Amino acid sequence: MLQLRDLRALLIDMDGVLYRGDTPIVGAQAFLAWLTQRGFPFLLVTNNSTLDASAYERKLAGMGIAVPAQRILTSAMATADYLARNLGPGTRVLMIGESGLECSLRERGIEISDQAPQAVVVGMDRHITYAKLRTATLAIRAGAQFIATNSDRTLPTEAGIVPGAGAIVAALVAATDRAPVIIGKPEPPLLELAIAKLGQPPELTAALGDRLETDIAGGKRLSLPTILVLSGVTEQPPPPQSDLHPTWTFRSVRELHAAWQESLSR
């Protein structure tokens, strides 16, 4: 039976695992510092496309959590990678999203334009308007590919659970009768890119997150061990009849950290 001490790499979600909004979750800094000190391979892998890796590095630093940008992978980065590989640099896309998505697309040579776009790319946008939805709907109905960074319907914040990128995607699905290609968890592209970057055996690379329907489902889809923490969107373990039982469940990364240390001491 697989033990925590057997793991060789970790794919760590951020929202609801390391912080809520701009408030760090107790134990997150100590856990990541412990992994770093041990030289344990890990990536912070988030469905949130609003910031680029450097901005996430600064955000984490502001909460006392030191992680370099090279250890951060976002759904925006994976979306830009998907577009560059499948449609090529110079592809014109209509974008609904924020600075993280824009930066990632431009870095891979993707042109952001609402003039005859070849694809509509949708991520979290806290400034969404009817005009943006209208333009995207018309482009998708005219034949543009429909690509979503992720399908998270909600986002955990200090104030509570608020609409996520999936809520915007749902509006466009309703308006276009089209289903998007989804890059983020639980779909494979983001996690597959993360696994490739770490280069460790998938069966010993665990997906750690706070959402059953994305983090745990995504890990299970790729036959990864999974770790659920109850510090974000999911506040209770899944019921016995659920198909989404994680390999391990902990209240938070602080409890995970303690259990892992105990596992190593046996």
Protein backbone atom coordinates (compact mmCIF):
# COMPACT_ATOMS: atom_id res chain seq x y z
CA MET A 1 0.00 0.00 0.00
CA LEU A 2 1.34 3.41 -0.99
CA GLN A 3 2.61 5.55 1.90
CA LEU A 4 3.34 9.28 2.01
CA ARG A 5 7.03 8.46 2.40
CA ASP A 6 6.94 6.70 -0.99
CA LEU A 7 6.03 9.85 -2.94
CA ARG A 8 8.66 11.33 -5.26
CA ALA A 9 6.93 14.53 -6.49
CA LEU A 10 3.99 16.77 -5.73
CA LEU A 11 1.62 18.88 -7.84
CA ILE A 12 0.22 21.45 -5.42
CA ASP A 13 -2.87 23.56 -6.04
CA MET A 14 -2.75 27.08 -4.59
CA ASP A 15 -6.21 28.65 -4.02
CA GLY A 16 -7.71 26.97 -0.97
CA VAL A 17 -4.54 24.96 -0.28
CA LEU A 18 -1.87 27.59 0.37
CA TYR A 19 -4.11 30.63 0.80
CA ARG A 20 -7.61 32.04 0.51
CA GLY A 21 -7.58 35.35 -1.36
CA ASP A 22 -4.57 37.14 0.14
CA THR A 23 -4.58 35.28 3.45
CA PRO A 24 -2.13 32.37 3.86
CA ILE A 25 -3.41 29.10 5.26
CA VAL A 26 -1.67 28.19 8.51
CA GLY A 27 1.19 25.78 7.88
CA ALA A 28 1.59 26.47 4.15
CA GLN A 29 4.90 28.34 4.46
CA ALA A 30 6.41 25.71 6.75
CA PHE A 31 5.30 22.83 4.50
CA LEU A 32 6.78 24.34 1.33
CA ALA A 33 9.98 25.30 3.15
CA TRP A 34 10.28 21.69 4.36
CA LEU A 35 9.84 20.33 0.82
CA THR A 36 12.43 22.79 -0.50
CA GLN A 37 14.93 21.94 2.24
CA ARG A 38 14.58 18.24 1.41
CA GLY A 39 15.08 18.91 -2.31
CA PHE A 40 11.70 17.31 -2.94
CA PRO A 41 10.40 17.99 -6.50
CA PHE A 42 7.17 19.98 -6.58
CA LEU A 43 5.25 22.44 -8.74
CA LEU A 44 2.50 24.82 -7.74
CA VAL A 45 -0.15 24.03 -10.33
CA THR A 46 -3.18 26.29 -10.43
CA ASN A 47 -6.28 26.55 -12.58
CA ASN A 48 -6.35 30.28 -11.81
CA SER A 49 -5.23 32.17 -14.92
CA THR A 50 -5.37 35.73 -13.56
CA LEU A 51 -1.65 36.10 -12.76
CA ASP A 52 1.55 35.00 -14.47
CA ALA A 53 4.22 32.97 -12.65
CA SER A 54 6.26 36.02 -11.63
CA ALA A 55 3.18 37.75 -10.22
CA TYR A 56 2.30 34.60 -8.27
CA GLU A 57 5.85 34.55 -6.90
CA ARG A 58 5.33 38.11 -5.63
CA LYS A 59 1.86 37.32 -4.28
CA LEU A 60 3.20 34.37 -2.31
CA ALA A 61 6.18 36.38 -1.06
CA GLY A 62 3.75 38.99 0.29
CA MET A 63 2.25 36.22 2.42
CA GLY A 64 5.64 35.03 3.64
CA ILE A 65 5.77 32.04 1.25
CA ALA A 66 8.98 31.81 -0.80
CA VAL A 67 8.56 29.92 -4.09
CA PRO A 68 10.40 30.89 -7.30
CA ALA A 69 8.45 31.48 -10.52
CA GLN A 70 10.12 28.41 -12.04
CA ARG A 71 8.11 26.23 -9.65
CA ILE A 72 4.76 27.74 -10.68
CA LEU A 73 2.58 26.53 -13.55
CA THR A 74 -0.79 28.11 -14.34
CA SER A 75 -3.67 27.15 -16.62
CA ALA A 76 -2.85 30.28 -18.63
CA MET A 77 0.67 28.98 -19.32
CA ALA A 78 -0.70 25.56 -20.28
CA THR A 79 -3.32 27.20 -22.53
CA ALA A 80 -0.64 29.21 -24.33
CA ASP A 81 1.40 26.02 -24.72
CA TYR A 82 -1.63 24.22 -26.18
CA LEU A 83 -2.30 27.01 -28.67
CA ALA A 84 1.33 27.30 -29.74
CA ARG A 85 1.59 23.54 -30.32
CA ASN A 86 -1.77 23.02 -32.00
CA LEU A 87 -2.45 26.28 -33.87
CA GLY A 88 1.04 27.79 -33.98
CA PRO A 89 2.60 31.16 -33.10
CA GLY A 90 0.82 34.10 -34.68
CA THR A 91 -2.60 32.58 -34.07
CA ARG A 92 -5.21 35.30 -33.52
CA VAL A 93 -7.32 34.83 -30.41
CA LEU A 94 -10.10 36.79 -28.80
CA MET A 95 -9.33 36.73 -25.08
CA ILE A 96 -11.58 36.98 -22.06
CA GLY A 97 -9.26 37.05 -19.08
CA GLU A 98 -6.78 39.05 -17.05
CA SER A 99 -3.08 39.93 -17.11
CA GLY A 100 -1.82 36.42 -16.41
CA LEU A 101 -3.55 35.00 -19.47
CA GLU A 102 -2.54 37.94 -21.66
CA CYS A 103 1.11 37.68 -20.62
CA SER A 104 1.22 33.91 -21.18
CA LEU A 105 -0.33 34.18 -24.65
CA ARG A 106 1.99 36.96 -25.78
CA GLU A 107 5.05 35.08 -24.49
CA ARG A 108 4.20 32.19 -26.83
CA GLY A 109 3.67 34.47 -29.83
CA ILE A 110 -0.13 34.37 -29.79
CA GLU A 111 -1.80 37.50 -31.23
CA ILE A 112 -4.67 38.92 -29.18
CA SER A 113 -7.25 40.39 -31.53
CA ASP A 114 -11.02 40.56 -31.99
CA GLN A 115 -10.61 40.76 -35.77
CA ALA A 116 -11.52 37.39 -37.29
CA PRO A 117 -10.06 35.40 -34.37
CA GLN A 118 -9.19 31.77 -34.94
CA ALA A 119 -9.98 30.95 -31.31
CA VAL A 120 -11.77 32.40 -28.32
CA VAL A 121 -9.82 31.84 -25.10
CA VAL A 122 -11.71 32.25 -21.84
CA GLY A 123 -10.30 32.49 -18.33
CA MET A 124 -11.23 34.20 -15.08
CA ASP A 125 -12.18 37.84 -15.72
CA ARG A 126 -13.29 39.97 -12.79
CA HIS A 127 -14.21 42.74 -15.24
CA ILE A 128 -16.50 40.65 -17.42
CA THR A 129 -19.18 42.59 -19.31
CA TYR A 130 -22.10 41.78 -21.56
CA ALA A 131 -20.14 43.33 -24.44
CA LYS A 132 -17.30 40.83 -23.95
CA LEU A 133 -19.73 37.91 -23.83
CA ARG A 134 -21.50 39.17 -26.94
CA THR A 135 -18.28 39.50 -28.94
CA ALA A 136 -17.09 36.06 -27.85
CA THR A 137 -20.45 34.47 -28.65
CA LEU A 138 -20.46 35.90 -32.17
CA ALA A 139 -16.88 34.72 -32.79
CA ILE A 140 -17.57 31.18 -31.58
CA ARG A 141 -20.78 30.99 -33.63
CA ALA A 142 -18.78 32.19 -36.65
CA GLY A 143 -16.43 29.21 -36.29
CA ALA A 144 -13.68 30.23 -33.88
CA GLN A 145 -12.39 27.46 -31.64
CA PHE A 146 -13.63 27.70 -28.07
CA ILE A 147 -10.91 27.14 -25.45
CA ALA A 148 -11.24 27.57 -21.69
CA THR A 149 -8.33 27.81 -19.28
CA ASN A 150 -10.41 25.97 -16.68
CA SER A 151 -13.94 25.12 -15.63
CA ASP A 152 -13.90 26.00 -11.90
CA ARG A 153 -17.37 27.40 -11.25
CA THR A 154 -16.29 29.05 -7.99
CA LEU A 155 -13.26 30.57 -6.28
CA PRO A 156 -12.50 30.54 -2.52
CA THR A 157 -11.78 33.98 -1.02
CA GLU A 158 -11.60 35.50 2.46
CA ALA A 159 -15.17 36.72 1.96
CA GLY A 160 -16.44 33.30 0.92
CA ILE A 161 -17.04 31.37 -2.30
CA VAL A 162 -17.41 33.60 -5.38
CA PRO A 163 -17.94 32.95 -9.13
CA GLY A 164 -14.96 31.50 -10.99
CA ALA A 165 -13.93 31.15 -14.62
CA GLY A 166 -16.35 28.27 -15.09
CA ALA A 167 -19.27 30.59 -14.46
CA ILE A 168 -18.16 32.72 -17.43
CA VAL A 169 -17.57 29.61 -19.54
CA ALA A 170 -21.07 28.36 -18.66
CA ALA A 171 -22.61 31.58 -19.96
CA LEU A 172 -20.84 31.12 -23.31
CA VAL A 173 -21.79 27.45 -23.51
CA ALA A 174 -25.41 28.48 -23.03
CA ALA A 175 -25.14 31.21 -25.67
CA THR A 176 -23.27 29.19 -28.31
CA ASP A 177 -24.40 25.57 -27.81
CA ARG A 178 -20.70 24.72 -28.00
CA ALA A 179 -18.53 22.93 -25.44
CA PRO A 180 -14.99 24.27 -25.03
CA VAL A 181 -11.66 22.49 -25.00
CA ILE A 182 -10.70 22.76 -21.32
CA ILE A 183 -7.01 22.98 -20.43
CA GLY A 184 -7.05 23.02 -16.63
CA LYS A 185 -7.88 20.34 -14.11
CA PRO A 186 -9.67 17.92 -14.27
CA GLU A 187 -8.79 17.73 -17.97
CA PRO A 188 -5.33 16.29 -18.75
CA PRO A 189 -3.34 19.10 -20.50
CA LEU A 190 -2.28 21.12 -17.43
CA LEU A 191 -1.38 18.12 -15.28
CA GLU A 192 0.36 16.35 -18.16
CA LEU A 193 2.54 19.42 -18.71
CA ALA A 194 3.32 19.55 -14.98
CA ILE A 195 4.24 15.86 -14.85
CA ALA A 196 6.54 16.29 -17.84
CA LYS A 197 8.28 19.25 -16.19
CA LEU A 198 8.98 17.31 -12.99
CA GLY A 199 10.04 14.13 -14.77
CA GLN A 200 9.14 11.79 -11.91
CA PRO A 201 7.11 8.55 -12.17
CA PRO A 202 3.41 9.49 -12.40
CA GLU A 203 2.43 6.72 -9.98
CA LEU A 204 4.61 8.43 -7.34
CA THR A 205 3.58 12.00 -8.24
CA ALA A 206 0.65 13.12 -6.10
CA ALA A 207 -1.95 15.77 -6.96
CA LEU A 208 -2.71 17.89 -3.88
CA GLY A 209 -5.78 20.13 -3.88
CA ASP A 210 -8.99 21.30 -2.25
CA ARG A 211 -11.50 20.44 -4.99
CA LEU A 212 -12.91 16.99 -5.62
CA GLU A 213 -14.20 17.84 -9.10
CA THR A 214 -10.90 19.31 -10.37
CA ASP A 215 -7.83 18.40 -8.31
CA ILE A 216 -8.89 14.93 -7.23
CA ALA A 217 -10.78 14.04 -10.42
CA GLY A 218 -7.87 15.30 -12.54
CA GLY A 219 -5.33 13.28 -10.59
CA LYS A 220 -7.45 10.14 -10.76
CA ARG A 221 -7.91 10.58 -14.51
CA LEU A 222 -4.13 10.30 -14.92
CA SER A 223 -3.82 7.52 -12.29
CA LEU A 224 -1.93 9.77 -9.85
CA PRO A 225 -2.10 9.44 -6.06
CA THR A 226 -4.32 12.23 -4.72
CA ILE A 227 -4.37 14.30 -1.54
CA LEU A 228 -7.45 16.29 -0.53
CA VAL A 229 -7.26 19.14 1.99
CA LEU A 230 -10.43 20.55 3.55
CA SER A 231 -9.19 24.14 3.78
CA GLY A 232 -10.78 25.46 0.59
CA VAL A 233 -13.90 24.70 -1.42
CA THR A 234 -14.33 21.14 -0.13
CA GLU A 235 -15.01 21.20 3.60
CA GLN A 236 -16.04 17.56 4.17
CA PRO A 237 -14.64 14.25 2.89
CA PRO A 238 -16.64 12.72 0.02
CA PRO A 239 -19.47 10.33 0.98
CA PRO A 240 -18.83 6.57 0.81
CA GLN A 241 -20.72 6.22 -2.49
CA SER A 242 -18.56 8.84 -4.24
CA ASP A 243 -16.23 7.89 -7.09
CA LEU A 244 -13.83 10.67 -6.06
CA HIS A 245 -12.24 9.29 -2.92
CA PRO A 246 -8.69 10.65 -2.63
CA THR A 247 -5.76 8.52 -1.55
CA TRP A 248 -5.40 10.70 1.57
CA THR A 249 -7.54 13.42 3.19
CA PHE A 250 -6.29 16.05 5.67
CA ARG A 251 -7.79 19.15 7.22
CA SER A 252 -4.96 21.30 5.82
CA VAL A 253 -1.35 21.18 4.63
CA ARG A 254 -0.27 21.57 8.26
CA GLU A 255 -1.89 18.24 9.10
CA LEU A 256 -0.45 16.70 5.91
CA HIS A 257 3.02 17.96 6.86
CA ALA A 258 2.78 16.31 10.30
CA ALA A 259 1.53 13.01 8.85
CA TRP A 260 4.29 12.97 6.23
CA GLN A 261 6.99 13.55 8.83
CA GLU A 262 5.54 10.74 10.92
CA SER A 263 5.51 8.45 7.87
CA LEU A 264 9.21 9.13 7.27
CA SER A 265 10.08 8.30 10.87
CA ARG A 266 8.62 4.78 10.73
